[in-house]
Amino acid sequence: MSKVLEVGKITTTAVMSMKAEGEKIAMLTAYDSSFARIADSAGIEILLVGDSVGMVFSGQPNTLSVTLEQMIYHTSAVSRGAKHALVVADMPFMTYQINPEEALRNAGRLVQEAGAEAVKIEGGRAMADTVRKIVGAGIPVMGHIGLTPQSIHTLGGFRVQGRGAEAADTLTADALALQEAGAFALVLEGIPASLGQRISRELRIPTIGIGAGPDCDGQVLVMHDLLGLFDDFTPKFVKQYAQLGEQVAEAFRQYRTEVKQAVFPQPEHCFKG
């Protein structure tokens, strides 16, 4: 049985113990209260309020335009819908890169104003002091290395990272540095499966993979990708468990037809005087 159902409200401590006990961790993105409630009731252990909201919710080409105010809004909605799952909020671009003090201030807003129970930041060793500062103030931090979407201009787009011995060693060192800085978990994105296995074995803290192979301690997908609601592009690592986009479109077409033909509303949908 999932720890979500066993302990009622999952914590970062529970997430870390899942790795020790060999239980895989299921994480999904969420951006509103309705889907958060559904994912929560399904036993998802971690709900990530991702800055991917800029792409799947707002139609932006990447995550760079997402603001702290937007993240506070969406995290507030998710935290109201999640009764069991751990709610982790992405720190958006330029809210933590300037200095550790500003990062702590912004992380504090996500916790205090939005109800986040942890924050996620992108970057390796360069972010170790920032992680240490935030964790030292009592806010859990999830790290994120490999393909880091906020760095797409530096990376040259959405490209697989960690290929070759030198790049693999660099990412492994990044992972260890974030662990020592106090991160409770680490997202590994867009790296070879063999490297995902290597880092997962070397760390004490759990790894959450997204395009990082089956040997990570858990997996995360963007909800809209999983449900077939986002069709701009489908990454190789995505499995669609439903095609809700097609079903929703058909429902809308049927509704329009019935309105045009005066089939809807029927008497059962009307109030009596």
Protein backbone atom coordinates (compact mmCIF):
# COMPACT_ATOMS: atom_id res chain seq x y z
CA MET A 1 0.00 0.00 0.00
CA SER A 2 1.26 3.49 -0.81
CA LYS A 3 2.51 5.60 2.06
CA VAL A 4 0.01 8.26 1.01
CA LEU A 5 -2.77 5.92 2.10
CA GLU A 6 -0.87 4.62 5.13
CA VAL A 7 0.20 7.86 6.79
CA GLY A 8 -2.58 10.19 5.66
CA LYS A 9 -0.34 13.13 4.71
CA ILE A 10 2.96 12.34 3.11
CA THR A 11 6.07 14.25 4.17
CA THR A 12 9.59 14.64 2.84
CA THR A 13 10.69 12.15 5.50
CA ALA A 14 8.21 9.61 4.17
CA VAL A 15 9.48 10.19 0.62
CA MET A 16 13.06 9.54 1.70
CA SER A 17 12.07 6.40 3.57
CA MET A 18 10.41 5.05 0.42
CA LYS A 19 13.83 4.84 -1.23
CA ALA A 20 15.26 3.00 1.77
CA GLU A 21 12.37 0.54 1.65
CA GLY A 22 12.52 0.04 -2.11
CA GLU A 23 9.10 1.53 -2.84
CA LYS A 24 8.85 3.47 -6.09
CA ILE A 25 7.58 7.04 -5.91
CA ALA A 26 4.87 8.41 -8.23
CA MET A 27 4.96 12.15 -8.93
CA LEU A 28 2.74 14.16 -11.28
CA THR A 29 2.45 17.81 -12.14
CA ALA A 30 -0.74 19.63 -11.17
CA TYR A 31 -1.85 23.20 -11.68
CA ASP A 32 -5.38 23.45 -10.27
CA SER A 33 -7.48 22.18 -7.41
CA SER A 34 -9.73 19.87 -9.45
CA PHE A 35 -6.97 17.77 -10.98
CA ALA A 36 -5.01 17.90 -7.71
CA ARG A 37 -7.97 16.25 -5.94
CA ILE A 38 -8.18 13.54 -8.60
CA ALA A 39 -4.46 12.78 -8.51
CA ASP A 40 -4.49 12.87 -4.72
CA SER A 41 -7.37 10.39 -4.52
CA ALA A 42 -5.48 8.09 -6.92
CA GLY A 43 -2.62 7.82 -4.41
CA ILE A 44 -0.01 9.96 -6.17
CA GLU A 45 2.68 10.63 -3.58
CA ILE A 46 4.00 13.98 -4.84
CA LEU A 47 2.24 16.74 -6.74
CA LEU A 48 4.64 19.09 -8.48
CA VAL A 49 3.30 22.51 -9.33
CA GLY A 50 5.63 22.82 -12.28
CA ASP A 51 6.68 25.91 -14.15
CA SER A 52 5.62 23.79 -17.12
CA VAL A 53 2.34 25.60 -16.44
CA GLY A 54 3.70 28.25 -18.77
CA MET A 55 3.62 25.81 -21.66
CA VAL A 56 0.66 23.50 -21.04
CA PHE A 57 -1.62 26.05 -19.35
CA SER A 58 -0.61 29.43 -20.76
CA GLY A 59 0.59 28.44 -24.25
CA GLN A 60 4.11 29.80 -23.91
CA PRO A 61 6.97 28.19 -25.92
CA ASN A 62 9.01 27.52 -22.77
CA THR A 63 8.99 28.02 -18.99
CA LEU A 64 11.03 31.23 -18.84
CA SER A 65 8.12 33.69 -18.71
CA VAL A 66 6.50 32.14 -15.63
CA THR A 67 6.47 34.52 -12.67
CA LEU A 68 6.51 33.99 -8.93
CA GLU A 69 3.01 35.43 -8.68
CA GLN A 70 1.74 32.86 -11.17
CA MET A 71 3.39 30.06 -9.20
CA ILE A 72 1.86 31.32 -5.97
CA TYR A 73 -1.58 31.33 -7.60
CA HIS A 74 -1.34 27.81 -9.02
CA THR A 75 0.34 26.36 -5.93
CA SER A 76 -2.42 27.79 -3.75
CA ALA A 77 -5.01 26.00 -5.89
CA VAL A 78 -3.14 22.68 -5.80
CA SER A 79 -2.50 22.85 -2.07
CA ARG A 80 -6.23 23.25 -1.46
CA GLY A 81 -6.95 20.14 -3.51
CA ALA A 82 -4.21 17.90 -2.09
CA LYS A 83 -5.17 16.25 1.19
CA HIS A 84 -2.51 13.53 1.18
CA ALA A 85 0.18 14.18 -1.45
CA LEU A 86 3.28 16.25 -0.79
CA VAL A 87 2.99 19.56 -2.67
CA VAL A 88 6.23 20.77 -4.26
CA ALA A 89 6.38 24.13 -6.05
CA ASP A 90 8.82 24.99 -8.82
CA MET A 91 10.79 28.16 -8.25
CA PRO A 92 10.53 30.01 -11.57
CA PHE A 93 13.34 31.51 -13.59
CA MET A 94 15.30 34.30 -11.85
CA THR A 95 13.64 33.82 -8.46
CA TYR A 96 16.60 31.93 -6.98
CA GLN A 97 19.60 32.50 -9.26
CA ILE A 98 20.60 36.01 -8.09
CA ASN A 99 21.66 35.14 -4.55
CA PRO A 100 20.73 32.72 -1.75
CA GLU A 101 19.04 35.44 0.33
CA GLU A 102 16.60 36.35 -2.44
CA ALA A 103 16.02 32.66 -3.14
CA LEU A 104 15.09 32.10 0.50
CA ARG A 105 12.73 35.06 0.47
CA ASN A 106 10.93 33.76 -2.63
CA ALA A 107 10.83 30.18 -1.36
CA GLY A 108 9.29 31.51 1.83
CA ARG A 109 6.49 33.14 -0.14
CA LEU A 110 5.67 29.85 -1.86
CA VAL A 111 5.36 28.19 1.53
CA GLN A 112 3.70 30.99 3.48
CA GLU A 113 1.33 32.37 0.85
CA ALA A 114 0.72 29.35 -1.38
CA GLY A 115 0.90 26.36 0.97
CA ALA A 116 3.84 24.61 -0.70
CA GLU A 117 5.50 21.98 1.47
CA ALA A 118 8.76 22.01 -0.50
CA VAL A 119 10.28 23.88 -3.42
CA LYS A 120 12.20 22.66 -6.46
CA ILE A 121 15.14 24.46 -8.03
CA GLU A 122 17.18 23.66 -11.13
CA GLY A 123 20.97 23.44 -11.25
CA GLY A 124 23.89 21.49 -9.84
CA ARG A 125 26.87 22.51 -7.74
CA ALA A 126 26.33 26.18 -8.50
CA MET A 127 23.08 25.96 -6.56
CA ALA A 128 24.48 24.13 -3.51
CA ASP A 129 24.79 27.27 -1.36
CA THR A 130 21.26 28.29 -2.30
CA VAL A 131 19.90 24.86 -1.37
CA ARG A 132 21.80 25.02 1.93
CA LYS A 133 20.36 28.45 2.70
CA ILE A 134 16.75 27.45 2.01
CA VAL A 135 16.98 24.13 3.83
CA GLY A 136 18.67 25.87 6.76
CA ALA A 137 15.58 28.04 7.15
CA GLY A 138 13.34 24.97 7.38
CA ILE A 139 12.07 24.72 3.80
CA PRO A 140 12.67 21.36 2.08
CA VAL A 141 14.30 21.53 -1.35
CA MET A 142 14.04 19.14 -4.28
CA GLY A 143 16.91 19.49 -6.76
CA HIS A 144 16.73 19.14 -10.54
CA ILE A 145 19.66 18.35 -12.86
CA GLY A 146 20.22 17.04 -16.37
CA LEU A 147 17.93 18.68 -18.90
CA THR A 148 16.95 21.80 -17.00
CA PRO A 149 14.24 23.65 -18.97
CA GLN A 150 15.13 27.05 -17.54
CA SER A 151 18.55 26.70 -19.19
CA ILE A 152 17.36 25.79 -22.69
CA HIS A 153 19.18 28.71 -24.29
CA THR A 154 22.46 27.55 -22.75
CA LEU A 155 21.76 23.90 -23.54
CA GLY A 156 20.77 24.64 -27.13
CA GLY A 157 17.20 23.44 -26.71
CA PHE A 158 15.59 20.36 -25.20
CA ARG A 159 18.57 18.03 -25.61
CA VAL A 160 19.60 14.89 -23.76
CA GLN A 161 22.31 15.64 -21.20
CA GLY A 162 25.03 13.52 -19.57
CA ARG A 163 26.21 11.65 -22.63
CA GLY A 164 29.88 10.66 -22.49
CA ALA A 165 32.09 9.93 -19.51
CA GLU A 166 32.99 13.52 -18.67
CA ALA A 167 29.40 14.79 -18.81
CA ALA A 168 28.23 11.80 -16.74
CA ASP A 169 30.88 12.49 -14.09
CA THR A 170 29.85 16.15 -13.97
CA LEU A 171 26.19 15.34 -13.38
CA THR A 172 27.06 12.74 -10.75
CA ALA A 173 29.16 15.33 -8.92
CA ASP A 174 26.26 17.78 -9.15
CA ALA A 175 23.91 15.21 -7.65
CA LEU A 176 26.22 14.48 -4.74
CA ALA A 177 26.73 18.19 -4.07
CA LEU A 178 22.97 18.80 -3.90
CA GLN A 179 22.56 15.84 -1.55
CA GLU A 180 25.25 17.17 0.76
CA ALA A 181 23.66 20.63 0.65
CA GLY A 182 20.48 19.13 2.11
CA ALA A 183 18.16 18.37 -0.80
CA PHE A 184 15.64 15.68 0.15
CA ALA A 185 15.17 14.40 -3.42
CA LEU A 186 16.46 15.00 -6.91
CA VAL A 187 14.77 15.14 -10.31
CA LEU A 188 16.85 13.65 -13.13
CA GLU A 189 15.61 14.80 -16.53
CA GLY A 190 16.64 13.83 -20.02
CA ILE A 191 19.73 11.72 -19.31
CA PRO A 192 20.80 8.23 -20.44
CA ALA A 193 19.17 5.40 -18.49
CA SER A 194 22.58 4.07 -17.44
CA LEU A 195 23.43 7.41 -15.83
CA GLY A 196 20.05 7.51 -14.09
CA GLN A 197 20.88 4.13 -12.61
CA ARG A 198 24.37 5.21 -11.56
CA ILE A 199 23.24 8.38 -9.79
CA SER A 200 20.31 6.61 -8.11
CA ARG A 201 22.66 4.00 -6.70
CA GLU A 202 25.18 6.56 -5.44
CA LEU A 203 22.70 8.82 -3.65
CA ARG A 204 21.09 8.30 -0.25
CA ILE A 205 18.18 10.53 -1.26
CA PRO A 206 15.57 9.44 -3.81
CA THR A 207 15.80 10.27 -7.49
CA ILE A 208 12.72 11.08 -9.55
CA GLY A 209 13.22 10.41 -13.23
CA ILE A 210 11.69 12.00 -16.28
CA GLY A 211 13.39 10.53 -19.30
CA ALA A 212 16.09 9.07 -17.04
CA GLY A 213 15.31 5.35 -17.22
CA PRO A 214 13.53 2.78 -15.02
CA ASP A 215 16.12 2.56 -12.25
CA CYS A 216 15.33 5.92 -10.66
CA ASP A 217 13.56 5.73 -7.31
CA GLY A 218 10.45 7.33 -8.78
CA GLN A 219 9.02 8.84 -11.95
CA VAL A 220 7.32 12.11 -12.85
CA LEU A 221 5.31 13.12 -15.90
CA VAL A 222 3.54 16.30 -16.90
CA MET A 223 -0.15 15.65 -16.34
CA HIS A 224 -1.20 17.08 -19.70
CA ASP A 225 1.24 14.75 -21.48
CA LEU A 226 0.01 11.69 -19.58
CA LEU A 227 -3.64 12.49 -20.32
CA GLY A 228 -3.18 13.40 -23.98
CA LEU A 229 -4.16 17.03 -23.41
CA PHE A 230 -1.02 18.63 -24.85
CA ASP A 231 -0.24 17.86 -28.48
CA ASP A 232 2.29 20.53 -29.46
CA PHE A 233 4.95 17.83 -29.14
CA THR A 234 5.32 14.50 -27.32
CA PRO A 235 8.73 13.75 -25.79
CA LYS A 236 10.16 10.25 -26.24
CA PHE A 237 9.85 9.52 -22.51
CA VAL A 238 6.11 10.23 -22.35
CA LYS A 239 3.51 7.46 -22.18
CA GLN A 240 -0.05 8.59 -22.82
CA TYR A 241 -2.38 6.75 -20.47
CA ALA A 242 -5.45 8.44 -21.98
CA GLN A 243 -6.38 10.56 -24.98
CA LEU A 244 -8.61 13.02 -23.18
CA GLY A 245 -7.99 15.73 -25.75
CA GLU A 246 -9.89 13.73 -28.36
CA GLN A 247 -12.67 12.86 -25.90
CA VAL A 248 -13.08 16.46 -24.77
CA ALA A 249 -13.21 17.70 -28.36
CA GLU A 250 -15.90 15.16 -29.19
CA ALA A 251 -17.93 16.23 -26.15
CA PHE A 252 -17.68 19.87 -27.24
CA ARG A 253 -18.76 18.98 -30.79
CA GLN A 254 -21.74 17.05 -29.48
CA TYR A 255 -22.73 19.94 -27.21
CA ARG A 256 -22.53 22.41 -30.09
CA THR A 257 -24.63 20.16 -32.33
CA GLU A 258 -27.34 19.77 -29.69
CA VAL A 259 -27.47 23.52 -29.08
CA LYS A 260 -27.72 24.22 -32.83
CA GLN A 261 -30.48 21.63 -33.22
CA ALA A 262 -32.34 22.76 -30.07
CA VAL A 263 -31.88 19.30 -28.57
CA PHE A 264 -30.31 20.75 -25.42
CA PRO A 265 -31.64 21.65 -22.93
CA GLN A 266 -34.36 19.05 -22.38
CA PRO A 267 -37.18 19.43 -19.83
CA GLU A 268 -35.10 17.63 -17.18
CA HIS A 269 -32.54 20.40 -17.41
CA CYS A 270 -35.08 23.18 -16.81
CA PHE A 271 -36.64 24.73 -13.72
CA LYS A 272 -40.39 24.75 -13.19
CA GLY A 273 -42.34 27.86 -12.25
